Amino acid sequence: MTDPTLARLLAYEEIRQLASRYAVATDARDLDALVALFVDDVRVGRDTFGRAALRENFAESLRGVGVTILNVGTHRIDLVDDDHATGVVYCRGEIQDGERWLVQAIQYRDDYERRDGSWYFVRRRHLLWYGREVGTNPLGLAPANWPEHHDGWGTLPEAAPTWAAFWGDDPPRH
C-alpha cells in the first residue's frame, strides 16, 4: 500500500516541475519538450486537438517574439483527487518584442491530469497583470564575455541547440 502523504507530496513536486519545464522549454524554443508536457489529446482552440496542433500553435506564437526569460514563482496546487489537480502559477517574464524589451507579470491558471503515472497539463490559461518596457533595454548591449564583465549580452539563448533549430537562418536580432 502506498503512503498517501508521500503520494501527495510526490504529486505536488511533479506538478511543480511541469511549470518549471514549461518555462525552460519555452525559453529554449524546445517545442518537442514543451508539447510533451501536455496530455496527448490537448484541446487547441475550439475544434482542434492534439500535440501536433499545439506544437504548430506554439511555433506561431513564439515566432512573434524574440528572447523570452520566464521566471516561475508562486505556485498553488489543489489536488482534486489522485489523478486531477488545478493550480495557479505566477511568472515574471522578460520578452523581446522587436526592438523593445518588456517585463510582464503573468498568472497561469492550470488544470492537470495524471495519466499512466505521469502528470500533464490539460489546460493552461495565460492571464496578464501588466506588461511594460524596462528602464534599461538589454537589446544592443555589447557582449558581456562573462566572467570578464558582469553586464552586457551573454551567451543565452543562442547556446541552446533547440534555439538555433527553431529560428534557422532568421534568429531575432539583439
N, C-alpha and C. Protein backbone atom coordinates (compact mmCIF):
# COMPACT_ATOMS: atom_id res chain seq x y z
N MET A 1 0.84 -1.18 0.00
CA MET A 1 0.00 0.00 0.00
C MET A 1 0.89 1.25 0.00
N THR A 2 0.53 2.23 -0.81
CA THR A 2 1.30 3.46 -0.92
C THR A 2 0.91 4.42 0.20
N ASP A 3 1.91 5.05 0.78
CA ASP A 3 1.68 6.05 1.82
C ASP A 3 1.00 7.27 1.18
N PRO A 4 -0.22 7.64 1.63
CA PRO A 4 -0.94 8.75 1.00
C PRO A 4 -0.22 10.10 1.14
N THR A 5 0.48 10.30 2.24
CA THR A 5 1.22 11.55 2.42
C THR A 5 2.35 11.65 1.41
N LEU A 6 3.07 10.55 1.23
CA LEU A 6 4.16 10.54 0.26
C LEU A 6 3.62 10.72 -1.16
N ALA A 7 2.52 10.06 -1.48
CA ALA A 7 1.91 10.18 -2.81
C ALA A 7 1.50 11.64 -3.07
N ARG A 8 0.93 12.30 -2.06
CA ARG A 8 0.52 13.70 -2.21
C ARG A 8 1.73 14.60 -2.43
N LEU A 9 2.78 14.39 -1.65
CA LEU A 9 3.99 15.20 -1.80
C LEU A 9 4.63 15.00 -3.17
N LEU A 10 4.65 13.76 -3.65
CA LEU A 10 5.19 13.49 -4.98
C LEU A 10 4.36 14.17 -6.06
N ALA A 11 3.04 14.15 -5.90
CA ALA A 11 2.18 14.82 -6.87
C ALA A 11 2.49 16.31 -6.91
N TYR A 12 2.59 16.94 -5.73
CA TYR A 12 2.93 18.37 -5.70
C TYR A 12 4.24 18.65 -6.44
N GLU A 13 5.26 17.88 -6.17
CA GLU A 13 6.56 18.12 -6.80
C GLU A 13 6.52 17.87 -8.30
N GLU A 14 5.87 16.81 -8.73
CA GLU A 14 5.78 16.52 -10.16
C GLU A 14 5.02 17.63 -10.89
N ILE A 15 3.98 18.15 -10.28
CA ILE A 15 3.22 19.24 -10.90
C ILE A 15 4.05 20.52 -10.93
N ARG A 16 4.79 20.81 -9.84
CA ARG A 16 5.67 21.99 -9.85
C ARG A 16 6.70 21.89 -10.98
N GLN A 17 7.20 20.69 -11.23
CA GLN A 17 8.17 20.52 -12.30
C GLN A 17 7.57 20.81 -13.67
N LEU A 18 6.27 20.57 -13.84
CA LEU A 18 5.63 20.92 -15.11
C LEU A 18 5.81 22.40 -15.41
N ALA A 19 5.52 23.25 -14.42
CA ALA A 19 5.63 24.70 -14.62
C ALA A 19 7.07 25.10 -14.92
N SER A 20 8.02 24.51 -14.22
CA SER A 20 9.43 24.83 -14.46
C SER A 20 9.88 24.34 -15.84
N ARG A 21 9.48 23.15 -16.20
CA ARG A 21 9.85 22.60 -17.52
C ARG A 21 9.23 23.43 -18.65
N TYR A 22 8.03 23.91 -18.43
CA TYR A 22 7.36 24.77 -19.40
C TYR A 22 8.20 26.02 -19.66
N ALA A 23 8.65 26.67 -18.58
CA ALA A 23 9.44 27.89 -18.72
C ALA A 23 10.75 27.63 -19.45
N VAL A 24 11.46 26.58 -19.05
CA VAL A 24 12.76 26.27 -19.66
C VAL A 24 12.59 25.90 -21.14
N ALA A 25 11.60 25.08 -21.45
CA ALA A 25 11.38 24.67 -22.85
C ALA A 25 10.96 25.86 -23.71
N THR A 26 10.12 26.73 -23.16
CA THR A 26 9.69 27.92 -23.90
C THR A 26 10.89 28.80 -24.23
N ASP A 27 11.71 29.09 -23.21
CA ASP A 27 12.86 29.97 -23.42
C ASP A 27 13.87 29.40 -24.40
N ALA A 28 14.00 28.07 -24.44
CA ALA A 28 14.94 27.42 -25.35
C ALA A 28 14.31 27.13 -26.71
N ARG A 29 13.02 27.40 -26.85
CA ARG A 29 12.24 27.08 -28.05
C ARG A 29 12.32 25.59 -28.37
N ASP A 30 12.30 24.77 -27.32
CA ASP A 30 12.29 23.32 -27.45
C ASP A 30 10.83 22.87 -27.52
N LEU A 31 10.27 22.96 -28.72
CA LEU A 31 8.85 22.70 -28.89
C LEU A 31 8.47 21.25 -28.60
N ASP A 32 9.37 20.31 -28.88
CA ASP A 32 9.07 18.90 -28.57
C ASP A 32 8.92 18.70 -27.07
N ALA A 33 9.84 19.27 -26.30
CA ALA A 33 9.75 19.16 -24.84
C ALA A 33 8.53 19.91 -24.32
N LEU A 34 8.22 21.03 -24.93
CA LEU A 34 7.09 21.85 -24.49
C LEU A 34 5.76 21.12 -24.67
N VAL A 35 5.52 20.58 -25.84
CA VAL A 35 4.22 19.92 -26.07
C VAL A 35 4.13 18.59 -25.33
N ALA A 36 5.25 17.98 -24.99
CA ALA A 36 5.24 16.72 -24.23
C ALA A 36 4.73 16.93 -22.80
N LEU A 37 4.64 18.17 -22.35
CA LEU A 37 4.13 18.47 -21.01
C LEU A 37 2.60 18.44 -20.95
N PHE A 38 1.96 18.34 -22.10
CA PHE A 38 0.50 18.37 -22.19
C PHE A 38 -0.05 16.99 -22.51
N VAL A 39 -1.30 16.74 -22.10
CA VAL A 39 -1.95 15.48 -22.46
C VAL A 39 -1.96 15.34 -23.97
N ASP A 40 -1.92 14.09 -24.43
CA ASP A 40 -1.82 13.87 -25.88
C ASP A 40 -3.04 14.35 -26.65
N ASP A 41 -4.18 14.45 -26.01
CA ASP A 41 -5.39 14.93 -26.69
C ASP A 41 -5.75 16.36 -26.28
N VAL A 42 -4.73 17.16 -25.99
CA VAL A 42 -4.94 18.54 -25.55
C VAL A 42 -5.81 19.30 -26.56
N ARG A 43 -6.69 20.12 -26.03
CA ARG A 43 -7.55 20.94 -26.88
C ARG A 43 -6.80 22.21 -27.25
N VAL A 44 -6.77 22.51 -28.53
CA VAL A 44 -6.08 23.70 -29.04
C VAL A 44 -7.11 24.50 -29.84
N GLY A 45 -7.58 25.56 -29.27
CA GLY A 45 -8.65 26.31 -29.94
C GLY A 45 -9.99 25.62 -29.73
N ARG A 46 -10.93 25.98 -30.56
CA ARG A 46 -12.29 25.48 -30.40
C ARG A 46 -12.47 24.04 -30.86
N ASP A 47 -11.92 23.71 -32.01
CA ASP A 47 -12.20 22.41 -32.62
C ASP A 47 -10.96 21.60 -32.98
N THR A 48 -9.82 21.95 -32.42
CA THR A 48 -8.57 21.29 -32.78
C THR A 48 -7.98 20.64 -31.53
N PHE A 49 -7.43 19.43 -31.70
CA PHE A 49 -6.90 18.68 -30.58
C PHE A 49 -5.56 18.06 -30.93
N GLY A 50 -4.75 17.80 -29.93
CA GLY A 50 -3.52 17.03 -30.10
C GLY A 50 -2.25 17.85 -30.00
N ARG A 51 -1.18 17.12 -29.73
CA ARG A 51 0.12 17.78 -29.55
C ARG A 51 0.65 18.38 -30.84
N ALA A 52 0.35 17.77 -31.99
CA ALA A 52 0.82 18.34 -33.26
C ALA A 52 0.21 19.72 -33.48
N ALA A 53 -1.07 19.86 -33.18
CA ALA A 53 -1.73 21.16 -33.31
C ALA A 53 -1.18 22.14 -32.29
N LEU A 54 -0.90 21.66 -31.09
CA LEU A 54 -0.33 22.53 -30.06
C LEU A 54 1.06 23.00 -30.46
N ARG A 55 1.84 22.09 -31.04
CA ARG A 55 3.19 22.46 -31.49
C ARG A 55 3.12 23.57 -32.54
N GLU A 56 2.20 23.43 -33.46
CA GLU A 56 2.01 24.44 -34.50
C GLU A 56 1.59 25.78 -33.88
N ASN A 57 0.71 25.73 -32.90
CA ASN A 57 0.26 26.93 -32.21
C ASN A 57 1.41 27.62 -31.48
N PHE A 58 2.21 26.83 -30.76
CA PHE A 58 3.36 27.41 -30.06
C PHE A 58 4.37 27.98 -31.06
N ALA A 59 4.63 27.28 -32.15
CA ALA A 59 5.59 27.78 -33.15
C ALA A 59 5.16 29.13 -33.68
N GLU A 60 3.88 29.27 -33.96
CA GLU A 60 3.38 30.54 -34.48
C GLU A 60 3.47 31.65 -33.43
N SER A 61 3.03 31.38 -32.22
CA SER A 61 3.03 32.44 -31.21
C SER A 61 4.43 32.82 -30.76
N LEU A 62 5.34 31.85 -30.67
CA LEU A 62 6.70 32.16 -30.22
C LEU A 62 7.53 32.84 -31.30
N ARG A 63 7.14 32.73 -32.55
CA ARG A 63 7.83 33.48 -33.60
C ARG A 63 7.48 34.96 -33.54
N GLY A 64 6.43 35.29 -32.81
CA GLY A 64 6.03 36.68 -32.67
C GLY A 64 6.88 37.47 -31.69
N VAL A 65 7.73 36.77 -30.95
CA VAL A 65 8.63 37.42 -30.00
C VAL A 65 10.03 36.86 -30.18
N GLY A 66 11.01 37.56 -29.65
CA GLY A 66 12.39 37.07 -29.72
C GLY A 66 12.73 36.31 -28.45
N VAL A 67 13.70 36.80 -27.73
CA VAL A 67 14.17 36.18 -26.50
C VAL A 67 13.06 36.26 -25.44
N THR A 68 12.89 35.18 -24.70
CA THR A 68 12.00 35.20 -23.54
C THR A 68 12.75 34.63 -22.35
N ILE A 69 12.45 35.17 -21.18
CA ILE A 69 13.02 34.66 -19.93
C ILE A 69 11.84 34.56 -18.96
N LEU A 70 11.38 33.34 -18.72
CA LEU A 70 10.24 33.12 -17.83
C LEU A 70 10.75 32.65 -16.47
N ASN A 71 10.41 33.40 -15.43
CA ASN A 71 10.84 33.08 -14.08
C ASN A 71 9.62 32.69 -13.26
N VAL A 72 9.47 31.40 -12.98
CA VAL A 72 8.32 30.88 -12.25
C VAL A 72 8.48 31.18 -10.76
N GLY A 73 7.40 31.64 -10.14
CA GLY A 73 7.44 31.95 -8.72
C GLY A 73 6.39 31.18 -7.95
N THR A 74 5.46 31.89 -7.35
CA THR A 74 4.41 31.28 -6.55
C THR A 74 3.65 30.23 -7.35
N HIS A 75 3.39 29.09 -6.71
CA HIS A 75 2.66 28.01 -7.38
C HIS A 75 1.74 27.35 -6.36
N ARG A 76 0.46 27.63 -6.47
CA ARG A 76 -0.53 26.98 -5.62
C ARG A 76 -1.12 25.80 -6.37
N ILE A 77 -1.13 24.65 -5.72
CA ILE A 77 -1.65 23.42 -6.32
C ILE A 77 -2.76 22.89 -5.44
N ASP A 78 -3.90 22.59 -6.03
CA ASP A 78 -5.02 21.97 -5.33
C ASP A 78 -5.27 20.60 -5.94
N LEU A 79 -5.03 19.56 -5.16
CA LEU A 79 -5.29 18.20 -5.61
C LEU A 79 -6.79 17.93 -5.51
N VAL A 80 -7.39 17.57 -6.61
CA VAL A 80 -8.82 17.28 -6.66
C VAL A 80 -9.06 15.83 -6.25
N ASP A 81 -8.28 14.94 -6.84
CA ASP A 81 -8.29 13.52 -6.49
C ASP A 81 -6.92 12.96 -6.87
N ASP A 82 -6.76 11.66 -6.91
CA ASP A 82 -5.45 11.06 -7.18
C ASP A 82 -4.90 11.40 -8.56
N ASP A 83 -5.77 11.75 -9.50
CA ASP A 83 -5.32 11.95 -10.88
C ASP A 83 -5.68 13.32 -11.47
N HIS A 84 -6.21 14.22 -10.66
CA HIS A 84 -6.61 15.54 -11.18
C HIS A 84 -6.22 16.62 -10.17
N ALA A 85 -5.81 17.76 -10.71
CA ALA A 85 -5.44 18.89 -9.86
C ALA A 85 -5.64 20.18 -10.65
N THR A 86 -5.70 21.27 -9.92
CA THR A 86 -5.72 22.60 -10.52
C THR A 86 -4.60 23.40 -9.89
N GLY A 87 -4.22 24.48 -10.54
CA GLY A 87 -3.15 25.29 -9.99
C GLY A 87 -3.16 26.71 -10.51
N VAL A 88 -2.47 27.56 -9.76
CA VAL A 88 -2.23 28.94 -10.14
C VAL A 88 -0.73 29.17 -10.02
N VAL A 89 -0.13 29.65 -11.11
CA VAL A 89 1.32 29.86 -11.17
C VAL A 89 1.57 31.33 -11.50
N TYR A 90 2.43 31.98 -10.71
CA TYR A 90 2.87 33.34 -11.01
C TYR A 90 4.17 33.26 -11.79
N CYS A 91 4.33 34.18 -12.71
CA CYS A 91 5.53 34.17 -13.55
C CYS A 91 5.91 35.61 -13.89
N ARG A 92 7.19 35.89 -13.82
CA ARG A 92 7.71 37.17 -14.30
C ARG A 92 8.42 36.87 -15.61
N GLY A 93 7.96 37.51 -16.65
CA GLY A 93 8.56 37.27 -17.97
C GLY A 93 9.30 38.49 -18.46
N GLU A 94 10.43 38.24 -19.08
CA GLU A 94 11.13 39.29 -19.83
C GLU A 94 11.07 38.86 -21.28
N ILE A 95 10.64 39.78 -22.14
CA ILE A 95 10.32 39.41 -23.51
C ILE A 95 10.87 40.44 -24.48
N GLN A 96 11.53 39.94 -25.52
CA GLN A 96 11.96 40.80 -26.62
C GLN A 96 10.80 40.94 -27.59
N ASP A 97 10.38 42.18 -27.80
CA ASP A 97 9.32 42.48 -28.75
C ASP A 97 9.90 43.41 -29.79
N GLY A 98 10.46 42.83 -30.83
CA GLY A 98 11.16 43.64 -31.84
C GLY A 98 12.35 44.32 -31.22
N GLU A 99 12.37 45.64 -31.25
CA GLU A 99 13.47 46.42 -30.66
C GLU A 99 13.19 46.78 -29.20
N ARG A 100 12.03 46.40 -28.70
CA ARG A 100 11.67 46.72 -27.32
C ARG A 100 11.96 45.55 -26.39
N TRP A 101 12.21 45.84 -25.11
CA TRP A 101 12.40 44.82 -24.08
C TRP A 101 11.32 45.05 -23.01
N LEU A 102 10.49 44.03 -22.81
CA LEU A 102 9.35 44.15 -21.91
C LEU A 102 9.51 43.27 -20.68
N VAL A 103 8.87 43.68 -19.61
CA VAL A 103 8.70 42.82 -18.44
C VAL A 103 7.20 42.63 -18.29
N GLN A 104 6.81 41.40 -17.95
CA GLN A 104 5.40 41.10 -17.75
C GLN A 104 5.19 40.41 -16.41
N ALA A 105 4.08 40.70 -15.78
CA ALA A 105 3.61 39.95 -14.61
C ALA A 105 2.47 39.07 -15.12
N ILE A 106 2.68 37.76 -15.04
CA ILE A 106 1.79 36.77 -15.64
C ILE A 106 1.23 35.86 -14.56
N GLN A 107 0.00 35.43 -14.75
CA GLN A 107 -0.56 34.37 -13.93
C GLN A 107 -1.08 33.30 -14.88
N TYR A 108 -0.71 32.05 -14.61
CA TYR A 108 -1.24 30.91 -15.36
C TYR A 108 -2.27 30.22 -14.47
N ARG A 109 -3.39 29.86 -15.04
CA ARG A 109 -4.39 29.04 -14.35
C ARG A 109 -4.41 27.70 -15.07
N ASP A 110 -4.06 26.67 -14.32
CA ASP A 110 -3.80 25.35 -14.91
C ASP A 110 -4.78 24.28 -14.45
N ASP A 111 -5.01 23.32 -15.32
CA ASP A 111 -5.66 22.06 -15.00
C ASP A 111 -4.65 20.97 -15.31
N TYR A 112 -4.48 20.04 -14.37
CA TYR A 112 -3.50 18.96 -14.51
C TYR A 112 -4.21 17.61 -14.44
N GLU A 113 -3.60 16.63 -15.08
CA GLU A 113 -4.12 15.27 -15.01
C GLU A 113 -2.97 14.28 -15.02
N ARG A 114 -3.10 13.25 -14.20
CA ARG A 114 -2.10 12.18 -14.20
C ARG A 114 -2.61 11.06 -15.11
N ARG A 115 -1.75 10.70 -16.06
CA ARG A 115 -2.05 9.60 -16.97
C ARG A 115 -0.85 8.67 -17.00
N ASP A 116 -1.11 7.40 -16.88
CA ASP A 116 -0.05 6.38 -16.88
C ASP A 116 1.07 6.74 -15.91
N GLY A 117 0.69 7.31 -14.76
CA GLY A 117 1.66 7.59 -13.70
C GLY A 117 2.40 8.91 -13.82
N SER A 118 2.13 9.70 -14.87
CA SER A 118 2.81 10.99 -15.05
C SER A 118 1.79 12.12 -15.10
N TRP A 119 2.18 13.27 -14.55
CA TRP A 119 1.32 14.45 -14.56
C TRP A 119 1.55 15.28 -15.82
N TYR A 120 0.45 15.84 -16.36
CA TYR A 120 0.48 16.65 -17.57
C TYR A 120 -0.44 17.86 -17.40
N PHE A 121 -0.19 18.88 -18.22
CA PHE A 121 -1.15 19.96 -18.35
C PHE A 121 -2.31 19.45 -19.19
N VAL A 122 -3.52 19.74 -18.76
CA VAL A 122 -4.70 19.53 -19.60
C VAL A 122 -5.04 20.86 -20.27
N ARG A 123 -4.94 21.91 -19.46
CA ARG A 123 -5.23 23.25 -19.95
C ARG A 123 -4.36 24.23 -19.20
N ARG A 124 -3.91 25.26 -19.92
CA ARG A 124 -3.09 26.32 -19.32
C ARG A 124 -3.59 27.65 -19.86
N ARG A 125 -4.11 28.48 -18.97
CA ARG A 125 -4.62 29.80 -19.36
C ARG A 125 -3.61 30.86 -18.92
N HIS A 126 -3.22 31.70 -19.85
CA HIS A 126 -2.24 32.77 -19.62
C HIS A 126 -3.01 34.06 -19.37
N LEU A 127 -2.87 34.62 -18.16
CA LEU A 127 -3.51 35.87 -17.80
C LEU A 127 -2.41 36.89 -17.51
N LEU A 128 -2.64 38.12 -17.92
CA LEU A 128 -1.62 39.16 -17.78
C LEU A 128 -2.07 40.23 -16.80
N TRP A 129 -1.21 40.49 -15.80
CA TRP A 129 -1.45 41.65 -14.94
C TRP A 129 -1.04 42.91 -15.70
N TYR A 130 0.19 42.91 -16.20
CA TYR A 130 0.68 44.04 -16.96
C TYR A 130 1.90 43.64 -17.76
N GLY A 131 2.22 44.45 -18.73
CA GLY A 131 3.46 44.38 -19.48
C GLY A 131 3.97 45.80 -19.66
N ARG A 132 5.26 46.00 -19.49
CA ARG A 132 5.82 47.35 -19.65
C ARG A 132 7.26 47.24 -20.13
N GLU A 133 7.71 48.32 -20.73
CA GLU A 133 9.11 48.37 -21.13
C GLU A 133 9.98 48.53 -19.90
N VAL A 134 11.17 47.93 -19.94
CA VAL A 134 12.09 48.05 -18.81
C VAL A 134 12.90 49.34 -18.94
N GLY A 135 13.51 49.77 -17.83
CA GLY A 135 14.28 51.01 -17.81
C GLY A 135 15.49 50.97 -18.72
N THR A 136 16.28 49.92 -18.63
CA THR A 136 17.45 49.76 -19.50
C THR A 136 17.18 48.60 -20.43
N ASN A 137 17.19 48.87 -21.70
CA ASN A 137 16.91 47.86 -22.71
C ASN A 137 18.18 47.05 -22.97
N PRO A 138 18.17 45.72 -22.76
CA PRO A 138 19.37 44.93 -22.98
C PRO A 138 19.68 44.68 -24.46
N LEU A 139 18.73 44.98 -25.34
CA LEU A 139 18.97 44.77 -26.77
C LEU A 139 20.06 45.73 -27.23
N GLY A 140 21.03 45.22 -27.92
CA GLY A 140 22.11 46.05 -28.42
C GLY A 140 23.27 46.22 -27.46
N LEU A 141 23.22 45.59 -26.28
CA LEU A 141 24.35 45.67 -25.35
C LEU A 141 25.58 44.99 -25.96
N ALA A 142 26.72 45.48 -25.62
CA ALA A 142 27.97 44.82 -26.03
C ALA A 142 28.04 43.46 -25.35
N PRO A 143 28.78 42.51 -25.92
CA PRO A 143 28.91 41.20 -25.28
C PRO A 143 29.51 41.32 -23.87
N ALA A 144 28.97 40.52 -22.96
CA ALA A 144 29.45 40.54 -21.58
C ALA A 144 30.80 39.83 -21.45
N ASN A 145 30.98 38.77 -22.23
CA ASN A 145 32.17 37.94 -22.10
C ASN A 145 32.36 37.52 -20.64
N TRP A 146 31.25 37.12 -20.04
CA TRP A 146 31.27 36.71 -18.64
C TRP A 146 32.22 35.54 -18.46
N PRO A 147 33.05 35.52 -17.43
CA PRO A 147 33.03 36.33 -16.21
C PRO A 147 33.88 37.60 -16.29
N GLU A 148 34.41 37.93 -17.45
CA GLU A 148 35.21 39.16 -17.55
C GLU A 148 34.38 40.39 -17.18
N HIS A 149 33.16 40.48 -17.70
CA HIS A 149 32.26 41.60 -17.40
C HIS A 149 30.94 41.06 -16.89
N HIS A 150 30.35 41.76 -15.93
CA HIS A 150 29.07 41.34 -15.36
C HIS A 150 27.88 41.93 -16.08
N ASP A 151 28.09 42.91 -16.93
CA ASP A 151 26.99 43.47 -17.70
C ASP A 151 27.28 43.31 -19.18
N GLY A 152 26.22 43.38 -19.96
CA GLY A 152 26.31 43.14 -21.39
C GLY A 152 25.51 41.90 -21.75
N TRP A 153 25.46 41.58 -23.04
CA TRP A 153 24.70 40.44 -23.52
C TRP A 153 25.52 39.17 -23.34
N GLY A 154 24.89 38.13 -22.80
CA GLY A 154 25.56 36.86 -22.56
C GLY A 154 25.43 35.89 -23.72
N THR A 155 25.56 34.61 -23.44
CA THR A 155 25.55 33.58 -24.48
C THR A 155 24.20 32.90 -24.65
N LEU A 156 23.26 33.22 -23.77
CA LEU A 156 21.91 32.65 -23.88
C LEU A 156 21.01 33.62 -24.62
N PRO A 157 20.07 33.18 -25.34
CA PRO A 157 19.59 31.82 -25.51
C PRO A 157 20.27 31.05 -26.64
N GLU A 158 21.18 31.69 -27.34
CA GLU A 158 21.79 31.06 -28.53
C GLU A 158 22.54 29.78 -28.19
N ALA A 159 22.97 29.59 -26.95
CA ALA A 159 23.71 28.38 -26.57
C ALA A 159 22.83 27.13 -26.60
N ALA A 160 21.51 27.28 -26.58
CA ALA A 160 20.61 26.13 -26.63
C ALA A 160 20.48 25.66 -28.08
N PRO A 161 20.83 24.40 -28.36
CA PRO A 161 20.71 23.90 -29.74
C PRO A 161 19.29 24.03 -30.29
N THR A 162 18.29 23.89 -29.44
CA THR A 162 16.91 24.00 -29.91
C THR A 162 16.57 25.42 -30.34
N TRP A 163 17.25 26.42 -29.75
CA TRP A 163 17.03 27.81 -30.14
C TRP A 163 17.42 28.01 -31.61
N ALA A 164 18.60 27.55 -31.95
CA ALA A 164 19.08 27.69 -33.34
C ALA A 164 18.20 26.89 -34.30
N ALA A 165 17.80 25.71 -33.90
CA ALA A 165 16.94 24.89 -34.76
C ALA A 165 15.58 25.55 -34.97
N PHE A 166 15.04 26.18 -33.94
CA PHE A 166 13.74 26.84 -34.04
C PHE A 166 13.80 28.01 -35.03
N TRP A 167 14.83 28.84 -34.92
CA TRP A 167 14.91 30.04 -35.72
C TRP A 167 15.56 29.82 -37.08
N GLY A 168 16.39 28.80 -37.22
CA GLY A 168 17.05 28.57 -38.50
C GLY A 168 17.96 29.73 -38.88
N ASP A 169 17.82 30.20 -40.10
CA ASP A 169 18.66 31.29 -40.61
C ASP A 169 18.14 32.69 -40.29
N ASP A 170 17.06 32.77 -39.51
CA ASP A 170 16.45 34.08 -39.25
C ASP A 170 16.20 34.31 -37.76
N PRO A 171 17.27 34.28 -36.94
CA PRO A 171 17.07 34.50 -35.50
C PRO A 171 16.75 35.97 -35.22
N PRO A 172 16.10 36.25 -34.09
CA PRO A 172 15.83 37.65 -33.76
C PRO A 172 17.14 38.38 -33.46
N ARG A 173 17.17 39.66 -33.80
CA ARG A 173 18.36 40.48 -33.53
C ARG A 173 18.32 41.02 -32.12
N HIS A 174 19.48 41.12 -31.51
CA HIS A 174 19.56 41.78 -30.21
C HIS A 174 20.94 42.37 -30.01
